[in-house]
Amino acid sequence: MSWEHKRARALEAVQLLGHLLRDAEVDERRLTLGYLDAKRELAAAFETLAKETYADDREISRVKHEIEVQMRRSYPAIPLKYLQVKRFYAVHALILNYLSARLNEEIAADELRLLSGDAVHTERRARELRDLGLNVVTRESGGVATYRLTTLSANLQEAAEGLTLKNINADARLPRCEREAFVAHVLSGRGGGGVA
């Protein structure tokens, strides 16, 4: 369903809740059910709005591609299967696009949660953008967590190193001696643009 359709459903649920709140004789259970329905419809409507507005994956694809180029340039002796950017999903693209559109603005965690309708994992996904070398600053003020993207430029070398190390360490079938050699190779390139 489109934003327009879900917006109409949310408006209807909110109007019903308003009617229930004005009714002094309303049953407490009916009022609770009206609230829950309005909450559910609003969450669905805003999630659809976010997807229709911010679902474009071009920016995150660009960053991932640039990191993979940096990985291959920095670590030519490492097998290609470890020189890939993995585990970044549509929700990461939504959050990146939302923060990019509000560059250097503090965005409340609650606002980010509207993007995915997920109150549990959305903030973690925002922090995971740091693994892409993006400077996402987290701050808490008055009990409210905020997120701010400070630049659209990623620290490619930092991301390349961190993600390559994660990929190597995540391979449970990699023999210990090879893992140690690959890790040492990656760490020997710190501070430079590549490894000789």
Protein backbone atom coordinates (compact mmCIF):
# COMPACT_ATOMS: atom_id res chain seq x y z
CA MET A 1 0.00 0.00 0.00
CA SER A 2 1.12 3.52 -0.73
CA TRP A 3 1.75 6.37 1.69
CA GLU A 4 -1.50 8.02 0.58
CA HIS A 5 -3.53 4.90 1.37
CA LYS A 6 -1.79 4.30 4.70
CA ARG A 7 -2.07 7.98 5.61
CA ALA A 8 -5.86 7.77 5.14
CA ARG A 9 -6.03 4.66 7.33
CA ALA A 10 -3.91 6.35 10.01
CA LEU A 11 -6.08 9.45 9.93
CA GLU A 12 -9.20 7.32 10.35
CA ALA A 13 -7.64 5.49 13.33
CA VAL A 14 -6.56 8.78 14.96
CA GLN A 15 -10.02 10.28 14.46
CA LEU A 16 -11.59 7.21 16.06
CA LEU A 17 -9.19 7.50 18.99
CA GLY A 18 -10.10 11.18 19.33
CA HIS A 19 -13.79 10.24 19.40
CA LEU A 20 -13.11 7.61 22.08
CA LEU A 21 -11.11 10.09 24.17
CA ARG A 22 -13.98 12.60 24.05
CA ASP A 23 -16.48 9.95 25.20
CA ALA A 24 -16.58 10.21 29.00
CA GLU A 25 -18.33 6.84 29.25
CA VAL A 26 -16.00 4.85 27.02
CA ASP A 27 -14.95 1.43 28.22
CA GLU A 28 -11.26 1.40 29.25
CA ARG A 29 -10.57 -1.68 27.10
CA ARG A 30 -12.15 -0.08 24.03
CA LEU A 31 -10.04 3.04 24.59
CA THR A 32 -6.89 0.90 24.90
CA LEU A 33 -7.70 -0.98 21.69
CA GLY A 34 -8.35 2.32 19.90
CA TYR A 35 -4.98 3.63 21.05
CA LEU A 36 -3.17 0.47 19.94
CA ASP A 37 -4.88 0.55 16.54
CA ALA A 38 -3.96 4.22 16.03
CA LYS A 39 -0.37 3.54 17.08
CA ARG A 40 -0.10 0.59 14.67
CA GLU A 41 -1.62 2.51 11.75
CA LEU A 42 0.58 5.54 12.38
CA ALA A 43 3.73 3.38 12.54
CA ALA A 44 2.80 1.63 9.29
CA ALA A 45 2.06 4.94 7.56
CA PHE A 46 5.33 6.58 8.61
CA GLU A 47 7.34 3.47 7.71
CA THR A 48 5.81 3.58 4.22
CA LEU A 49 6.50 7.32 3.92
CA ALA A 50 10.13 6.74 4.88
CA LYS A 51 10.53 3.91 2.38
CA GLU A 52 8.95 5.91 -0.43
CA THR A 53 11.15 8.91 0.37
CA TYR A 54 14.49 7.41 1.49
CA ALA A 55 14.71 3.85 0.10
CA ASP A 56 17.18 4.69 -2.66
CA ASP A 57 20.30 2.55 -2.21
CA ARG A 58 22.64 4.54 -4.49
CA GLU A 59 24.47 6.35 -1.68
CA ILE A 60 25.16 3.27 0.42
CA SER A 61 26.11 1.33 -2.73
CA ARG A 62 28.57 4.09 -3.65
CA VAL A 63 30.18 3.99 -0.20
CA LYS A 64 30.37 0.18 -0.21
CA HIS A 65 31.95 0.18 -3.68
CA GLU A 66 34.56 2.77 -2.65
CA ILE A 67 35.44 0.69 0.42
CA GLU A 68 35.81 -2.49 -1.64
CA VAL A 69 38.11 -0.65 -4.06
CA GLN A 70 40.16 0.51 -1.06
CA MET A 71 40.23 -3.02 0.37
CA ARG A 72 41.61 -4.46 -2.86
CA ARG A 73 44.15 -1.65 -3.19
CA SER A 74 45.32 -1.93 0.42
CA TYR A 75 45.36 -5.71 0.81
CA PRO A 76 46.19 -7.36 -2.53
CA ALA A 77 47.54 -10.50 -0.82
CA ILE A 78 44.27 -11.16 1.01
CA PRO A 79 41.77 -13.49 -0.74
CA LEU A 80 38.92 -11.62 -2.44
CA LYS A 81 36.23 -13.30 -0.31
CA TYR A 82 37.47 -11.19 2.63
CA LEU A 83 37.55 -7.97 0.61
CA GLN A 84 33.80 -7.49 0.41
CA VAL A 85 31.42 -5.22 2.29
CA LYS A 86 28.82 -7.51 3.84
CA ARG A 87 25.75 -7.24 6.08
CA PHE A 88 24.46 -3.79 5.20
CA TYR A 89 20.77 -3.86 4.40
CA ALA A 90 17.91 -1.66 3.24
CA VAL A 91 17.46 -0.19 6.72
CA HIS A 92 21.08 1.05 6.64
CA ALA A 93 20.32 2.80 3.33
CA LEU A 94 17.17 4.40 4.81
CA ILE A 95 19.07 5.71 7.82
CA LEU A 96 22.02 6.93 5.76
CA ASN A 97 19.75 8.76 3.33
CA TYR A 98 17.75 10.30 6.17
CA LEU A 99 20.87 11.48 8.00
CA SER A 100 22.44 12.67 4.72
CA ALA A 101 19.40 14.83 4.00
CA ARG A 102 19.92 16.40 7.45
CA LEU A 103 23.71 16.64 7.41
CA ASN A 104 25.12 17.97 10.71
CA GLU A 105 21.68 18.03 12.33
CA GLU A 106 21.02 16.09 15.52
CA ILE A 107 18.28 13.55 14.87
CA ALA A 108 16.47 11.98 17.82
CA ALA A 109 16.55 8.20 18.05
CA ASP A 110 12.75 8.17 18.06
CA GLU A 111 12.78 9.91 14.68
CA LEU A 112 15.10 7.25 13.25
CA ARG A 113 12.85 4.49 14.58
CA LEU A 114 10.03 5.80 12.40
CA LEU A 115 12.06 4.84 9.34
CA SER A 116 11.90 1.12 9.96
CA GLY A 117 9.13 0.65 12.48
CA ASP A 118 11.71 -1.23 14.57
CA ALA A 119 12.22 0.18 18.03
CA VAL A 120 14.88 -2.38 18.93
CA HIS A 121 17.46 -2.48 16.14
CA THR A 122 17.24 0.89 14.38
CA GLU A 123 19.71 2.65 16.65
CA ARG A 124 22.21 -0.19 16.27
CA ARG A 125 21.88 0.09 12.48
CA ALA A 126 22.66 3.82 12.72
CA ARG A 127 25.80 3.08 14.77
CA GLU A 128 26.83 0.37 12.29
CA LEU A 129 27.18 3.07 9.63
CA ARG A 130 30.46 3.87 11.43
CA ASP A 131 31.78 0.54 10.14
CA LEU A 132 31.49 2.10 6.67
CA GLY A 133 33.86 4.86 7.78
CA LEU A 134 31.01 7.36 8.20
CA ASN A 135 31.23 9.81 11.07
CA VAL A 136 27.96 9.24 12.92
CA VAL A 137 28.14 11.09 16.22
CA THR A 138 25.92 9.89 19.06
CA ARG A 139 25.00 12.15 21.94
CA GLU A 140 22.57 11.89 24.81
CA SER A 141 20.94 14.96 26.25
CA GLY A 142 18.11 14.98 28.73
CA GLY A 143 17.59 11.26 28.30
CA VAL A 144 17.22 11.57 24.52
CA ALA A 145 19.77 9.91 22.26
CA THR A 146 20.60 11.79 19.06
CA TYR A 147 22.54 10.89 15.92
CA ARG A 148 24.36 13.28 13.61
CA LEU A 149 26.16 12.55 10.35
CA THR A 150 28.96 15.10 10.07
CA THR A 151 30.13 14.46 6.50
CA LEU A 152 29.20 12.48 3.41
CA SER A 153 32.84 11.42 2.96
CA ALA A 154 33.74 8.06 4.44
CA ASN A 155 37.11 7.25 5.97
CA LEU A 156 37.79 4.55 3.40
CA GLN A 157 41.04 3.20 4.87
CA GLU A 158 39.56 2.84 8.35
CA ALA A 159 36.49 1.09 6.91
CA ALA A 160 38.58 -1.15 4.66
CA GLU A 161 40.76 -2.27 7.57
CA GLY A 162 37.90 -2.83 10.00
CA LEU A 163 35.67 -4.71 7.59
CA THR A 164 38.51 -6.84 6.23
CA LEU A 165 39.46 -7.86 9.77
CA LYS A 166 35.81 -8.65 10.60
CA ASN A 167 35.50 -10.82 7.49
CA ILE A 168 38.70 -12.72 8.27
CA ASN A 169 37.75 -13.27 11.91
CA ALA A 170 34.20 -14.34 10.99
CA ASP A 171 35.46 -17.25 8.87
CA ALA A 172 35.27 -20.19 11.29
CA ARG A 173 36.78 -22.55 8.70
CA LEU A 174 39.94 -20.51 8.24
CA PRO A 175 42.94 -22.27 9.83
CA ARG A 176 44.44 -20.34 12.73
CA CYS A 177 47.86 -19.89 11.10
CA GLU A 178 46.29 -18.40 7.96
CA ARG A 179 44.01 -16.15 10.05
CA GLU A 180 46.99 -14.83 12.00
CA ALA A 181 48.97 -14.23 8.78
CA PHE A 182 46.04 -12.39 7.13
CA VAL A 183 45.43 -10.29 10.25
CA ALA A 184 49.11 -9.40 10.51
CA HIS A 185 49.12 -8.42 6.83
CA VAL A 186 46.13 -6.12 7.30
CA LEU A 187 47.54 -4.56 10.46
CA SER A 188 50.93 -4.00 8.82
CA GLY A 189 49.26 -1.56 6.44
CA ARG A 190 48.06 0.81 9.19
CA GLY A 191 48.80 4.42 8.56
CA GLY A 192 49.31 4.02 4.84
CA GLY A 193 47.23 3.67 1.74
CA GLY A 194 48.38 0.15 1.03
CA VAL A 195 50.69 -2.70 1.73
CA ALA A 196 53.81 -3.33 -0.31
